[in-house]
Structure formats: structure tokens, C-alpha cells
N, C-alpha and C. Protein backbone atom coordinates (compact mmCIF):
# COMPACT_ATOMS: atom_id res chain seq x y z
N MET A 1 -48.63 38.00 -23.48
CA MET A 1 -47.15 38.24 -23.04
C MET A 1 -46.40 38.71 -24.18
N ALA A 2 -45.88 39.69 -24.04
CA ALA A 2 -45.09 40.43 -25.19
C ALA A 2 -43.73 40.08 -24.73
N THR A 3 -43.04 39.51 -25.84
CA THR A 3 -41.73 39.32 -25.89
C THR A 3 -40.80 39.92 -26.55
N GLY A 4 -39.55 40.28 -26.63
CA GLY A 4 -38.54 41.03 -27.27
C GLY A 4 -37.97 40.17 -28.37
N ARG A 5 -36.75 40.67 -28.83
CA ARG A 5 -35.60 39.90 -29.58
C ARG A 5 -35.03 39.24 -28.38
N LYS A 6 -33.98 38.11 -29.02
CA LYS A 6 -33.30 37.37 -27.91
C LYS A 6 -31.71 38.17 -28.27
N ILE A 7 -31.15 37.78 -27.45
CA ILE A 7 -29.93 38.04 -27.44
C ILE A 7 -28.98 37.29 -28.56
N GLU A 8 -28.29 37.87 -29.38
CA GLU A 8 -27.67 37.06 -30.39
C GLU A 8 -26.61 36.03 -29.94
N ASP A 9 -25.65 36.78 -29.37
CA ASP A 9 -24.25 36.04 -29.06
C ASP A 9 -23.69 36.74 -27.55
N GLU A 10 -22.53 36.14 -27.38
CA GLU A 10 -21.82 36.74 -25.97
C GLU A 10 -21.43 38.01 -25.90
N SER A 11 -20.90 38.48 -27.05
CA SER A 11 -20.28 39.98 -27.03
C SER A 11 -21.81 40.64 -26.79
N GLU A 12 -22.84 40.56 -27.54
CA GLU A 12 -23.94 41.47 -27.12
C GLU A 12 -24.39 41.36 -25.74
N ALA A 13 -24.37 40.05 -25.17
CA ALA A 13 -24.91 39.99 -23.97
C ALA A 13 -24.01 40.63 -23.03
N ARG A 14 -22.88 40.60 -23.25
CA ARG A 14 -21.90 41.55 -22.21
C ARG A 14 -22.38 42.72 -22.37
N ARG A 15 -22.39 43.65 -23.53
CA ARG A 15 -22.48 44.81 -23.68
C ARG A 15 -23.87 44.93 -23.03
N CYS A 16 -24.92 44.26 -23.41
CA CYS A 16 -26.14 44.75 -22.78
C CYS A 16 -26.12 44.79 -21.09
N LEU A 17 -25.38 43.61 -20.47
CA LEU A 17 -25.20 43.79 -18.96
C LEU A 17 -24.66 44.88 -18.31
N LEU A 18 -23.51 44.86 -19.23
CA LEU A 18 -23.06 46.15 -18.81
C LEU A 18 -23.59 47.67 -18.58
N ALA A 19 -24.45 47.76 -19.72
CA ALA A 19 -25.39 48.74 -19.93
C ALA A 19 -26.43 48.85 -18.71
N ALA A 20 -27.10 47.68 -18.72
CA ALA A 20 -27.99 47.43 -17.57
C ALA A 20 -27.59 48.20 -16.08
N LYS A 21 -26.23 47.67 -15.94
CA LYS A 21 -25.73 47.94 -14.87
C LYS A 21 -25.20 49.37 -14.55
N ARG A 22 -24.70 50.02 -15.81
CA ARG A 22 -24.80 51.23 -15.57
C ARG A 22 -25.79 52.18 -15.55
N SER A 23 -26.91 51.73 -15.93
CA SER A 23 -28.36 52.30 -15.96
C SER A 23 -28.89 52.38 -14.49
N GLY A 24 -28.58 51.58 -13.85
CA GLY A 24 -29.30 51.51 -12.37
C GLY A 24 -30.22 50.35 -12.36
N LEU A 25 -30.84 50.08 -13.61
CA LEU A 25 -31.69 49.31 -13.57
C LEU A 25 -31.62 47.90 -13.42
N SER A 26 -32.56 47.02 -13.03
CA SER A 26 -32.09 45.45 -13.28
C SER A 26 -32.06 45.13 -14.81
N ALA A 27 -31.34 44.02 -14.89
CA ALA A 27 -31.39 43.48 -16.19
C ALA A 27 -32.57 43.37 -16.93
N GLY A 28 -33.31 42.61 -16.03
CA GLY A 28 -35.00 42.75 -16.90
C GLY A 28 -35.36 43.71 -17.13
N GLU A 29 -35.54 44.97 -16.30
CA GLU A 29 -36.18 46.30 -16.67
C GLU A 29 -35.56 46.84 -17.80
N TRP A 30 -34.15 46.75 -17.87
CA TRP A 30 -33.49 47.21 -18.80
C TRP A 30 -33.84 46.79 -20.07
N ALA A 31 -33.90 45.28 -20.09
CA ALA A 31 -34.04 44.70 -21.43
C ALA A 31 -35.30 45.05 -21.85
N ARG A 32 -36.40 45.13 -21.21
CA ARG A 32 -37.63 45.23 -21.63
C ARG A 32 -37.92 46.64 -22.02
N GLY A 33 -37.24 47.56 -21.81
CA GLY A 33 -37.05 48.94 -22.13
C GLY A 33 -36.47 49.20 -23.19
N ARG A 34 -35.62 48.24 -23.94
CA ARG A 34 -35.15 48.10 -25.16
C ARG A 34 -35.48 47.26 -26.06
N GLY A 35 -36.78 46.77 -25.93
CA GLY A 35 -37.27 45.33 -26.76
C GLY A 35 -36.48 44.03 -26.63
N ILE A 36 -35.83 44.02 -25.55
CA ILE A 36 -35.06 42.64 -25.60
C ILE A 36 -35.71 41.89 -24.72
N ASP A 37 -35.67 40.25 -25.02
CA ASP A 37 -36.41 39.44 -24.30
C ASP A 37 -35.59 39.35 -22.69
N GLY A 38 -36.40 39.67 -21.76
CA GLY A 38 -35.42 39.78 -20.61
C GLY A 38 -34.88 38.19 -20.04
N ARG A 39 -35.66 37.03 -20.72
CA ARG A 39 -35.15 35.75 -20.25
C ARG A 39 -34.20 35.30 -21.19
N SER A 40 -33.96 36.02 -22.37
CA SER A 40 -32.77 35.97 -23.22
C SER A 40 -31.66 36.50 -22.61
N LEU A 41 -31.60 37.52 -22.17
CA LEU A 41 -30.36 38.13 -21.24
C LEU A 41 -30.35 37.61 -19.91
N HIS A 42 -31.26 37.23 -19.14
CA HIS A 42 -31.07 36.43 -17.97
C HIS A 42 -30.36 34.99 -18.37
N ALA A 43 -30.73 34.44 -19.48
CA ALA A 43 -30.31 33.15 -19.68
C ALA A 43 -28.68 33.29 -19.81
N TRP A 44 -27.94 34.30 -20.67
CA TRP A 44 -27.01 34.94 -21.05
C TRP A 44 -26.03 35.06 -19.38
N GLN A 45 -26.94 35.72 -18.90
CA GLN A 45 -26.26 36.27 -17.29
C GLN A 45 -25.72 34.72 -16.51
N MET A 46 -26.74 34.23 -16.65
CA MET A 46 -26.48 32.86 -15.92
C MET A 46 -25.15 32.15 -16.36
N ASN A 47 -25.35 31.98 -17.95
CA ASN A 47 -24.62 31.08 -18.75
C ASN A 47 -22.80 31.88 -18.09
N LEU A 48 -22.77 32.98 -18.38
CA LEU A 48 -21.58 33.77 -18.10
C LEU A 48 -21.28 33.45 -16.53
N GLU A 49 -22.14 33.46 -15.87
CA GLU A 49 -21.82 33.30 -14.33
C GLU A 49 -21.36 31.57 -13.72
N ARG A 50 -22.01 30.84 -14.57
CA ARG A 50 -21.68 29.40 -14.31
C ARG A 50 -20.31 29.25 -15.04
N ALA A 51 -19.91 29.98 -16.34
CA ALA A 51 -18.65 29.72 -16.81
C ALA A 51 -17.37 30.38 -16.07
N GLY A 52 -17.92 31.25 -14.97
CA GLY A 52 -16.72 31.64 -14.11
C GLY A 52 -16.50 33.09 -14.61
N VAL A 53 -17.33 33.74 -15.38
CA VAL A 53 -17.02 35.21 -15.55
C VAL A 53 -18.33 35.95 -14.73
N PRO A 54 -17.90 36.50 -13.98
CA PRO A 54 -18.61 37.52 -13.28
C PRO A 54 -19.77 38.21 -14.14
N ALA A 55 -20.95 38.29 -14.03
CA ALA A 55 -21.94 39.05 -14.65
C ALA A 55 -22.03 40.42 -13.90
N ARG A 56 -21.97 41.61 -14.73
CA ARG A 56 -21.74 42.95 -13.88
C ARG A 56 -23.16 43.23 -13.41
N THR A 57 -24.28 42.63 -13.62
CA THR A 57 -25.29 43.36 -13.13
C THR A 57 -26.06 42.15 -11.70
N ARG A 58 -25.11 41.33 -11.44
CA ARG A 58 -25.54 40.23 -10.27
C ARG A 58 -25.79 41.37 -9.47
N ARG A 59 -27.08 40.87 -8.74
CA ARG A 59 -27.39 41.34 -7.43
C ARG A 59 -27.68 40.61 -6.19
N ARG A 60 -27.64 39.59 -6.60
CA ARG A 60 -27.56 38.43 -5.44
C ARG A 60 -26.95 37.28 -6.00
N GLU A 61 -26.36 36.30 -4.89
CA GLU A 61 -25.76 35.10 -5.30
C GLU A 61 -26.42 34.11 -5.97
N PRO A 62 -25.74 33.76 -7.25
CA PRO A 62 -26.46 32.58 -8.09
C PRO A 62 -27.01 31.50 -7.16
N ARG A 63 -27.70 30.61 -7.76
CA ARG A 63 -28.01 29.56 -6.86
C ARG A 63 -27.34 28.33 -7.48
N VAL A 64 -26.82 27.66 -6.43
CA VAL A 64 -25.97 26.35 -6.77
C VAL A 64 -26.54 25.27 -7.80
N THR A 65 -25.87 25.30 -8.86
CA THR A 65 -26.69 24.21 -9.62
C THR A 65 -25.56 23.16 -10.18
N PRO A 66 -25.94 21.88 -10.79
CA PRO A 66 -24.54 21.18 -10.99
C PRO A 66 -23.75 22.00 -12.29
N ALA A 67 -22.61 21.80 -12.35
CA ALA A 67 -21.78 22.67 -13.36
C ALA A 67 -21.97 21.86 -14.77
N ALA A 68 -22.40 20.52 -14.76
CA ALA A 68 -22.25 19.72 -15.90
C ALA A 68 -23.56 20.17 -16.93
N ARG A 69 -24.60 20.64 -16.30
CA ARG A 69 -25.81 21.26 -16.61
C ARG A 69 -25.71 22.84 -17.39
N GLU A 70 -26.04 22.93 -18.40
CA GLU A 70 -26.19 24.27 -19.37
C GLU A 70 -27.44 24.94 -19.45
N LEU A 71 -27.60 26.19 -19.09
CA LEU A 71 -29.14 26.56 -19.00
C LEU A 71 -29.36 26.77 -20.59
N VAL A 72 -30.59 26.22 -21.23
CA VAL A 72 -30.86 26.33 -22.56
C VAL A 72 -32.06 27.31 -22.62
N GLU A 73 -31.58 28.11 -23.36
CA GLU A 73 -32.96 29.53 -23.92
C GLU A 73 -33.83 28.79 -24.74
N LEU A 74 -35.37 29.07 -24.32
CA LEU A 74 -35.96 29.04 -25.26
C LEU A 74 -37.05 30.21 -25.24
N VAL A 75 -36.97 30.85 -26.61
CA VAL A 75 -37.69 31.89 -26.93
C VAL A 75 -38.55 31.56 -28.05
N PRO A 76 -39.62 32.23 -28.04
CA PRO A 76 -40.73 32.09 -29.29
C PRO A 76 -39.66 32.94 -30.31
N ALA A 77 -39.93 31.85 -31.57
CA ALA A 77 -39.01 32.54 -32.71
C ALA A 77 -39.80 33.57 -33.58
N THR A 78 -41.00 33.51 -33.44
CA THR A 78 -41.86 34.50 -33.96
C THR A 78 -41.98 35.80 -33.57
N ARG A 79 -42.29 36.89 -34.22
CA ARG A 79 -42.87 38.50 -33.75
C ARG A 79 -44.01 38.65 -34.05
N GLY A 80 -44.61 38.96 -33.16
CA GLY A 80 -46.18 39.43 -33.31
C GLY A 80 -47.18 38.70 -32.75
N GLY A 81 -48.19 38.62 -33.33
CA GLY A 81 -49.20 37.84 -32.80
C GLY A 81 -49.19 36.20 -33.76
N GLY A 82 -50.42 35.70 -33.68
CA GLY A 82 -50.11 34.25 -34.17
C GLY A 82 -49.64 33.26 -33.50
N ALA A 83 -49.51 32.12 -33.99
CA ALA A 83 -48.81 30.94 -33.17
C ALA A 83 -47.47 31.05 -33.02
N GLY A 84 -47.07 30.40 -31.92
CA GLY A 84 -45.31 30.62 -31.50
C GLY A 84 -44.76 29.52 -31.98
N ARG A 85 -43.43 29.78 -32.70
CA ARG A 85 -42.44 28.52 -32.91
C ARG A 85 -41.51 28.85 -31.91
N TYR A 86 -40.93 27.82 -31.48
CA TYR A 86 -39.61 27.75 -30.64
C TYR A 86 -38.65 26.79 -31.18
N VAL A 87 -37.33 27.21 -31.09
CA VAL A 87 -36.24 26.55 -31.43
C VAL A 87 -35.29 26.07 -30.20
N LEU A 88 -34.91 25.02 -30.03
CA LEU A 88 -34.41 24.41 -28.78
C LEU A 88 -33.05 24.00 -29.65
N GLU A 89 -31.65 24.49 -29.14
CA GLU A 89 -30.51 24.15 -29.75
C GLU A 89 -29.71 23.71 -28.62
N VAL A 90 -29.30 22.23 -28.60
CA VAL A 90 -28.15 21.63 -27.54
C VAL A 90 -26.92 20.95 -28.23
N ALA A 91 -25.93 21.26 -28.03
CA ALA A 91 -24.90 20.36 -28.56
C ALA A 91 -24.73 20.40 -30.33
N GLY A 92 -25.36 21.00 -30.94
CA GLY A 92 -25.45 21.01 -32.07
C GLY A 92 -26.96 20.35 -32.83
N ALA A 93 -27.51 19.80 -31.72
CA ALA A 93 -29.03 19.50 -32.34
C ALA A 93 -29.90 20.55 -32.07
N ARG A 94 -30.62 20.60 -33.01
CA ARG A 94 -31.79 21.62 -33.26
C ARG A 94 -33.19 20.86 -33.37
N VAL A 95 -33.93 21.22 -32.64
CA VAL A 95 -35.56 20.94 -32.59
C VAL A 95 -36.33 22.26 -32.74
N GLU A 96 -37.08 22.46 -33.58
CA GLU A 96 -38.32 23.11 -33.90
C GLU A 96 -39.52 22.77 -33.47
N PHE A 97 -40.48 23.41 -32.94
CA PHE A 97 -41.83 23.24 -32.68
C PHE A 97 -42.79 24.53 -32.57
N GLY A 98 -43.85 24.27 -32.67
CA GLY A 98 -44.82 25.35 -32.61
C GLY A 98 -45.77 25.10 -31.07
N ASP A 99 -46.83 26.21 -30.92
CA ASP A 99 -47.92 25.98 -30.13
C ASP A 99 -48.71 24.67 -30.27
N ASP A 100 -48.64 24.36 -31.60
CA ASP A 100 -49.60 23.55 -32.10
C ASP A 100 -49.25 21.99 -31.75
N ALA A 101 -47.87 22.06 -31.22
CA ALA A 101 -47.27 20.46 -31.13
C ALA A 101 -47.94 19.90 -30.01
N SER A 102 -48.18 18.80 -30.03
CA SER A 102 -48.92 17.79 -29.08
C SER A 102 -48.16 17.36 -27.90
N VAL A 103 -48.84 17.42 -26.75
CA VAL A 103 -47.82 16.67 -25.48
C VAL A 103 -47.16 15.31 -25.88
N ALA A 104 -47.91 14.69 -26.44
CA ALA A 104 -47.39 13.22 -26.64
C ALA A 104 -46.11 13.45 -27.75
N THR A 105 -46.44 14.24 -28.34
CA THR A 105 -44.92 14.44 -29.38
C THR A 105 -44.02 14.99 -28.84
N LEU A 106 -44.11 16.12 -28.04
CA LEU A 106 -43.07 16.75 -27.12
C LEU A 106 -42.53 15.67 -26.22
N ARG A 107 -43.38 14.73 -25.88
CA ARG A 107 -42.89 13.78 -24.92
C ARG A 107 -41.96 12.85 -25.34
N ARG A 108 -42.35 12.16 -26.72
CA ARG A 108 -41.35 11.22 -27.34
C ARG A 108 -40.16 11.81 -27.79
N VAL A 109 -40.14 13.41 -28.04
CA VAL A 109 -38.56 13.85 -28.32
C VAL A 109 -37.77 13.81 -27.16
N LEU A 110 -38.57 14.40 -26.21
CA LEU A 110 -37.72 14.35 -24.71
C LEU A 110 -37.34 12.89 -24.26
N GLU A 111 -38.02 12.00 -24.53
CA GLU A 111 -37.56 10.85 -24.34
C GLU A 111 -36.39 10.35 -25.14
N ALA A 112 -36.64 10.93 -26.10
CA ALA A 112 -35.33 10.15 -27.24
C ALA A 112 -34.12 11.20 -26.97
N LEU A 113 -34.05 12.43 -26.26
CA LEU A 113 -32.80 13.24 -26.08
C LEU A 113 -32.29 12.67 -24.66
N ARG A 114 -33.42 12.00 -23.65
CA ARG A 114 -32.68 11.56 -22.56
C ARG A 114 -31.80 10.46 -22.74
N SER A 115 -32.15 9.68 -23.93
CA SER A 115 -31.89 8.51 -24.14
C SER A 115 -30.01 8.28 -25.12
N CYS A 116 -30.13 10.03 -25.31
CA CYS A 116 -28.52 10.23 -25.77
C CYS A 116 -27.59 10.39 -25.11
């Protein structure tokens, strides 16, 4: 699975979404053609929509989701081959893990996060 780079901030996301709309392509097609991870752009698109800012590339109505939840982007932190590294950031907390993380360890981390 080839992934591109992730979108760094809201300003870049807005520029990319507008460029995708102007191109006539879907946001995912546009992103893939430019080496950008389509999941990253889609996550920004959904977060902007949830914040009440209409995403300019929306082609269908967004699914109704609880407003208190925020989409968390999870994209491999490495480029190229080899084991992937993942970074999960939520409300100032940061967790990093790799493809070699055990299911038991990830389960313990998730259980600890649920208790917060």
C-alpha cells in the first residue's frame, strides 16, 4: 500500500481541498496524484465539516456523528519500505508505535486512554 505525506495544518488542508475542487477530481484522486495521503486530506475535510466550515470538495452529505468526537488521523510516520511507525495525538497526548507492537500492548494502551 503506497501512502503519501500527510497534510501538515489547516491552511494546507484548505488549499488542497480548494485545488481538488477546481481540478474536478475527487479529493482522494487529487491527493494521490500529488503524493499526498488521501486519508490525511479526507480527515481534514471531515474535521472542517464538523467544525461548521463547509469543505469545498464535498460531493455528498456527511454522516451524522456525535459532535463531541473528533476524527483522529493515523498515518504511517515512515516513508518507503520497512516497518511502519504510527503516531497518535489526541488532546496533547502522544503515543507512538510500530507495526511490531503487540495486540496485548495496544489493548492496554487503549484501556488506559478510555479511563481518562
